[in-house]
PDB file of N, CA and C in Angstrom:
ATOM      1  N   MET A   1      25.079 -14.456 -16.087  1.00  0.00           N
ATOM      2  CA  MET A   1      23.550 -15.062 -16.674  1.00  0.00           C
ATOM      3  C   MET A   1      22.965 -15.088 -17.948  1.00  0.00           C
ATOM      4  N   THR A   2      22.220 -16.262 -18.214  1.00  0.00           N
ATOM      5  CA  THR A   2      22.150 -17.105 -19.095  1.00  0.00           C
ATOM      6  C   THR A   2      20.922 -16.348 -19.830  1.00  0.00           C
ATOM      7  N   VAL A   3      20.485 -16.336 -20.639  1.00  0.00           N
ATOM      8  CA  VAL A   3      19.075 -16.079 -21.432  1.00  0.00           C
ATOM      9  C   VAL A   3      17.830 -16.931 -20.352  1.00  0.00           C
ATOM     10  N   ARG A   4      18.291 -18.026 -19.784  1.00  0.00           N
ATOM     11  CA  ARG A   4      16.978 -18.781 -19.717  1.00  0.00           C
ATOM     12  C   ARG A   4      16.794 -17.959 -17.974  1.00  0.00           C
ATOM     13  N   ALA A   5      17.846 -18.129 -17.614  1.00  0.00           N
ATOM     14  CA  ALA A   5      17.849 -17.258 -16.395  1.00  0.00           C
ATOM     15  C   ALA A   5      17.182 -16.315 -15.982  1.00  0.00           C
ATOM     16  N   ALA A   6      17.861 -15.369 -16.936  1.00  0.00           N
ATOM     17  CA  ALA A   6      16.743 -13.854 -17.267  1.00  0.00           C
ATOM     18  C   ALA A   6      15.209 -13.895 -17.417  1.00  0.00           C
ATOM     19  N   ARG A   7      14.891 -15.571 -18.093  1.00  0.00           N
ATOM     20  CA  ARG A   7      13.589 -15.060 -18.826  1.00  0.00           C
ATOM     21  C   ARG A   7      12.511 -15.607 -17.276  1.00  0.00           C
ATOM     22  N   LYS A   8      13.751 -16.619 -16.287  1.00  0.00           N
ATOM     23  CA  LYS A   8      13.261 -17.325 -14.768  1.00  0.00           C
ATOM     24  C   LYS A   8      12.725 -16.119 -14.107  1.00  0.00           C
ATOM     25  N   GLU A   9      13.677 -15.200 -14.493  1.00  0.00           N
ATOM     26  CA  GLU A   9      13.713 -14.290 -13.315  1.00  0.00           C
ATOM     27  C   GLU A   9      11.922 -13.063 -13.811  1.00  0.00           C
ATOM     28  N   LYS A  10      12.292 -12.725 -14.933  1.00  0.00           N
ATOM     29  CA  LYS A  10      10.818 -12.189 -15.461  1.00  0.00           C
ATOM     30  C   LYS A  10       9.438 -13.008 -15.247  1.00  0.00           C
ATOM     31  N   GLY A  11       9.569 -14.300 -15.431  1.00  0.00           N
ATOM     32  CA  GLY A  11       8.703 -14.740 -15.297  1.00  0.00           C
ATOM     33  C   GLY A  11       8.490 -14.601 -13.579  1.00  0.00           C
ATOM     34  N   ASN A  12       9.216 -14.811 -12.671  1.00  0.00           N
ATOM     35  CA  ASN A  12       9.292 -14.802 -11.348  1.00  0.00           C
ATOM     36  C   ASN A  12       8.690 -13.419 -10.863  1.00  0.00           C
ATOM     37  N   TYR A  13       9.251 -12.114 -11.713  1.00  0.00           N
ATOM     38  CA  TYR A  13       8.867 -10.964 -11.347  1.00  0.00           C
ATOM     39  C   TYR A  13       7.202 -10.955 -11.903  1.00  0.00           C
ATOM     40  N   ARG A  14       6.817 -11.495 -12.923  1.00  0.00           N
ATOM     41  CA  ARG A  14       5.385 -10.967 -13.612  1.00  0.00           C
ATOM     42  C   ARG A  14       3.981 -11.914 -12.463  1.00  0.00           C
ATOM     43  N   ILE A  15       4.838 -13.075 -11.712  1.00  0.00           N
ATOM     44  CA  ILE A  15       3.409 -13.704 -10.724  1.00  0.00           C
ATOM     45  C   ILE A  15       3.612 -12.502  -9.717  1.00  0.00           C
ATOM     46  N   PHE A  16       4.783 -12.211  -9.535  1.00  0.00           N
ATOM     47  CA  PHE A  16       4.866 -11.427  -8.100  1.00  0.00           C
ATOM     48  C   PHE A  16       3.929 -10.035  -8.353  1.00  0.00           C
ATOM     49  N   CYS A  17       4.080  -9.692  -9.758  1.00  0.00           N
ATOM     50  CA  CYS A  17       3.239  -8.100 -10.249  1.00  0.00           C
ATOM     51  C   CYS A  17       1.516  -8.434 -10.389  1.00  0.00           C
ATOM     52  N   ASP A  18       1.608 -10.093 -10.759  1.00  0.00           N
ATOM     53  CA  ASP A  18       0.080 -10.526 -10.527  1.00  0.00           C
ATOM     54  C   ASP A  18      -0.278 -10.341  -9.329  1.00  0.00           C
ATOM     55  N   ILE A  19       0.661 -10.915  -8.478  1.00  0.00           N
ATOM     56  CA  ILE A  19      -0.357 -11.082  -7.109  1.00  0.00           C
ATOM     57  C   ILE A  19      -0.599 -10.266  -6.253  1.00  0.00           C
ATOM     58  N   ILE A  20       0.860  -8.783  -6.760  1.00  0.00           N
ATOM     59  CA  ILE A  20       0.224  -7.770  -6.108  1.00  0.00           C
ATOM     60  C   ILE A  20      -1.017  -6.887  -7.199  1.00  0.00           C
ATOM     61  N   SER A  21      -0.911  -6.991  -8.051  1.00  0.00           N
ATOM     62  CA  SER A  21      -2.283  -6.796  -8.640  1.00  0.00           C
ATOM     63  C   SER A  21      -3.402  -7.324  -8.236  1.00  0.00           C
ATOM     64  N   SER A  22      -3.631  -8.330  -7.759  1.00  0.00           N
ATOM     65  CA  SER A  22      -5.205  -8.951  -7.335  1.00  0.00           C
ATOM     66  C   SER A  22      -5.348  -8.697  -6.272  1.00  0.00           C
ATOM     67  N   PHE A  23      -4.151  -8.469  -5.081  1.00  0.00           N
ATOM     68  CA  PHE A  23      -4.663  -8.195  -3.652  1.00  0.00           C
ATOM     69  C   PHE A  23      -4.653  -6.628  -3.894  1.00  0.00           C
ATOM     70  N   PHE A  24      -4.354  -5.442  -5.010  1.00  0.00           N
ATOM     71  CA  PHE A  24      -5.267  -4.342  -4.821  1.00  0.00           C
ATOM     72  C   PHE A  24      -6.324  -4.289  -5.702  1.00  0.00           C
ATOM     73  N   SER A  25      -6.407  -5.133  -6.545  1.00  0.00           N
ATOM     74  CA  SER A  25      -7.720  -5.221  -6.966  1.00  0.00           C
ATOM     75  C   SER A  25      -8.785  -5.389  -5.390  1.00  0.00           C
ATOM     76  N   ILE A  26      -8.739  -6.426  -5.178  1.00  0.00           N
ATOM     77  CA  ILE A  26      -9.334  -7.397  -3.805  1.00  0.00           C
ATOM     78  C   ILE A  26     -10.055  -5.913  -2.612  1.00  0.00           C
ATOM     79  N   TYR A  27      -8.611  -5.389  -2.470  1.00  0.00           N
ATOM     80  CA  TYR A  27      -8.612  -4.036  -1.764  1.00  0.00           C
ATOM     81  C   TYR A  27      -9.525  -2.851  -2.048  1.00  0.00           C
ATOM     82  N   VAL A  28      -9.023  -2.519  -4.108  1.00  0.00           N
ATOM     83  CA  VAL A  28     -10.074  -1.352  -4.345  1.00  0.00           C
ATOM     84  C   VAL A  28     -11.773  -2.045  -3.985  1.00  0.00           C
ATOM     85  N   LEU A  29     -11.788  -3.704  -4.566  1.00  0.00           N
ATOM     86  CA  LEU A  29     -13.371  -3.596  -4.265  1.00  0.00           C
ATOM     87  C   LEU A  29     -14.175  -3.628  -3.071  1.00  0.00           C
ATOM     88  N   LEU A  30     -12.840  -4.034  -1.754  1.00  0.00           N
ATOM     89  CA  LEU A  30     -13.417  -4.067  -0.307  1.00  0.00           C
ATOM     90  C   LEU A  30     -14.142  -2.333   0.185  1.00  0.00           C
ATOM     91  N   PHE A  31     -12.960  -1.458  -0.409  1.00  0.00           N
ATOM     92  CA  PHE A  31     -12.867   0.221   0.171  1.00  0.00           C
ATOM     93  C   PHE A  31     -14.227   0.525  -1.262  1.00  0.00           C
ATOM     94  N   LEU A  32     -14.554   0.019  -2.295  1.00  0.00           N
ATOM     95  CA  LEU A  32     -16.056   0.855  -2.962  1.00  0.00           C
ATOM     96  C   LEU A  32     -16.825   0.196  -1.996  1.00  0.00           C
ATOM     97  N   ASN A  33     -17.077  -1.032  -1.750  1.00  0.00           N
ATOM     98  CA  ASN A  33     -18.150  -1.707  -1.051  1.00  0.00           C
ATOM     99  C   ASN A  33     -18.374  -1.277   0.433  1.00  0.00           C
ATOM    100  N   ILE A  34     -17.395  -0.722   1.324  1.00  0.00           N
ATOM    101  CA  ILE A  34     -17.691  -0.148   2.303  1.00  0.00           C
ATOM    102  C   ILE A  34     -17.718   1.446   2.289  1.00  0.00           C
ATOM    103  N   MET A  35     -17.340   2.049   0.852  1.00  0.00           N
ATOM    104  CA  MET A  35     -18.225   3.061   0.721  1.00  0.00           C
ATOM    105  C   MET A  35     -19.417   3.001   0.537  1.00  0.00           C
ATOM    106  N   TYR A  36     -19.654   2.195  -0.577  1.00  0.00           N
ATOM    107  CA  TYR A  36     -21.145   2.033  -0.861  1.00  0.00           C
ATOM    108  C   TYR A  36     -21.764   2.273   0.372  1.00  0.00           C
ATOM    109  N   CYS A  37     -21.733   1.289   1.284  1.00  0.00           N
ATOM    110  CA  CYS A  37     -22.125   0.901   2.466  1.00  0.00           C
ATOM    111  C   CYS A  37     -22.273   1.829   3.314  1.00  0.00           C
ATOM    112  N   ILE A  38     -21.560   3.029   3.668  1.00  0.00           N
ATOM    113  CA  ILE A  38     -22.022   4.223   4.258  1.00  0.00           C
ATOM    114  C   ILE A  38     -22.226   4.954   3.881  1.00  0.00           C
ATOM    115  N   ASN A  39     -22.367   5.359   2.414  1.00  0.00           N
ATOM    116  CA  ASN A  39     -23.378   6.107   1.773  1.00  0.00           C
ATOM    117  C   ASN A  39     -24.577   5.634   1.906  1.00  0.00           C
ATOM    118  N   ARG A  40     -25.219   4.483   1.485  1.00  0.00           N
ATOM    119  CA  ARG A  40     -26.088   4.021   1.784  1.00  0.00           C
ATOM    120  C   ARG A  40     -26.661   4.097   3.474  1.00  0.00           C
ATOM    121  N   PHE A  41     -26.337   4.024   4.510  1.00  0.00           N
ATOM    122  CA  PHE A  41     -26.250   4.195   5.851  1.00  0.00           C
ATOM    123  C   PHE A  41     -26.487   5.395   6.273  1.00  0.00           C
ATOM    124  N   TRP A  42     -25.875   6.439   5.622  1.00  0.00           N
ATOM    125  CA  TRP A  42     -26.113   7.646   5.872  1.00  0.00           C
ATOM    126  C   TRP A  42     -27.846   8.478   5.059  1.00  0.00           C
ATOM    127  N   VAL A  43     -27.651   8.215   4.265  1.00  0.00           N
ATOM    128  CA  VAL A  43     -29.052   8.046   3.239  1.00  0.00           C
ATOM    129  C   VAL A  43     -30.144   7.803   4.191  1.00  0.00           C
ATOM    130  N   TYR A  44     -30.082   5.875   4.757  1.00  0.00           N
ATOM    131  CA  TYR A  44     -31.000   6.116   5.548  1.00  0.00           C
ATOM    132  C   TYR A  44     -31.238   6.956   6.843  1.00  0.00           C
ATOM    133  N   VAL A  45     -29.858   7.395   7.463  1.00  0.00           N
ATOM    134  CA  VAL A  45     -29.769   7.924   8.824  1.00  0.00           C
ATOM    135  C   VAL A  45     -30.814   9.365   8.412  1.00  0.00           C
ATOM    136  N   SER A  46     -30.092  10.201   7.054  1.00  0.00           N
ATOM    137  CA  SER A  46     -30.389  11.560   6.697  1.00  0.00           C
ATOM    138  C   SER A  46     -32.837  11.234   6.354  1.00  0.00           C
ATOM    139  N   LEU A  47     -32.564  10.130   5.621  1.00  0.00           N
ATOM    140  CA  LEU A  47     -34.333  10.169   5.250  1.00  0.00           C
ATOM    141  C   LEU A  47     -35.105   9.948   6.801  1.00  0.00           C
ATOM    142  N   GLY A  48     -33.672   9.346   7.940  1.00  0.00           N
ATOM    143  CA  GLY A  48     -34.952   8.965   8.911  1.00  0.00           C
ATOM    144  C   GLY A  48     -35.103  10.452   9.596  1.00  0.00           C
ATOM    145  N   THR A  49     -34.489  11.009   9.761  1.00  0.00           N
ATOM    146  CA  THR A  49     -34.389  12.433  10.700  1.00  0.00           C
ATOM    147  C   THR A  49     -35.394  13.299   9.865  1.00  0.00           C
ATOM    148  N   VAL A  50     -35.813  12.994   8.850  1.00  0.00           N
ATOM    149  CA  VAL A  50     -36.353  13.936   7.403  1.00  0.00           C
ATOM    150  C   VAL A  50     -37.648  13.055   7.871  1.00  0.00           C
ATOM    151  N   LEU A  51     -37.761  11.977   7.663  1.00  0.00           N
ATOM    152  CA  LEU A  51     -39.388  11.430   8.289  1.00  0.00           C
ATOM    153  C   LEU A  51     -39.619  12.129   9.656  1.00  0.00           C
ATOM    154  N   LYS A  52     -38.543  11.883  10.709  1.00  0.00           N
ATOM    155  CA  LYS A  52     -39.346  12.013  11.892  1.00  0.00           C
ATOM    156  C   LYS A  52     -39.347  13.717  11.958  1.00  0.00           C
ATOM    157  N   LEU A  53     -39.014  14.700  11.309  1.00  0.00           N
ATOM    158  CA  LEU A  53     -38.867  15.862  11.459  1.00  0.00           C
ATOM    159  C   LEU A  53     -40.950  15.991  10.304  1.00  0.00           C
TER     160      LEU A  53
END
């Protein structure tokens, strides 16, 4: 295996890692948004029940 081939392999690996990290960050952002929406929903529900009481 020549140095150039090794360097190319490393480049492909880096691209692969970038793709995985970007997908992971997108999933984390989606998860945080969903959790935020659920928390706001529960806040509204609890406020509604308190106001009804």
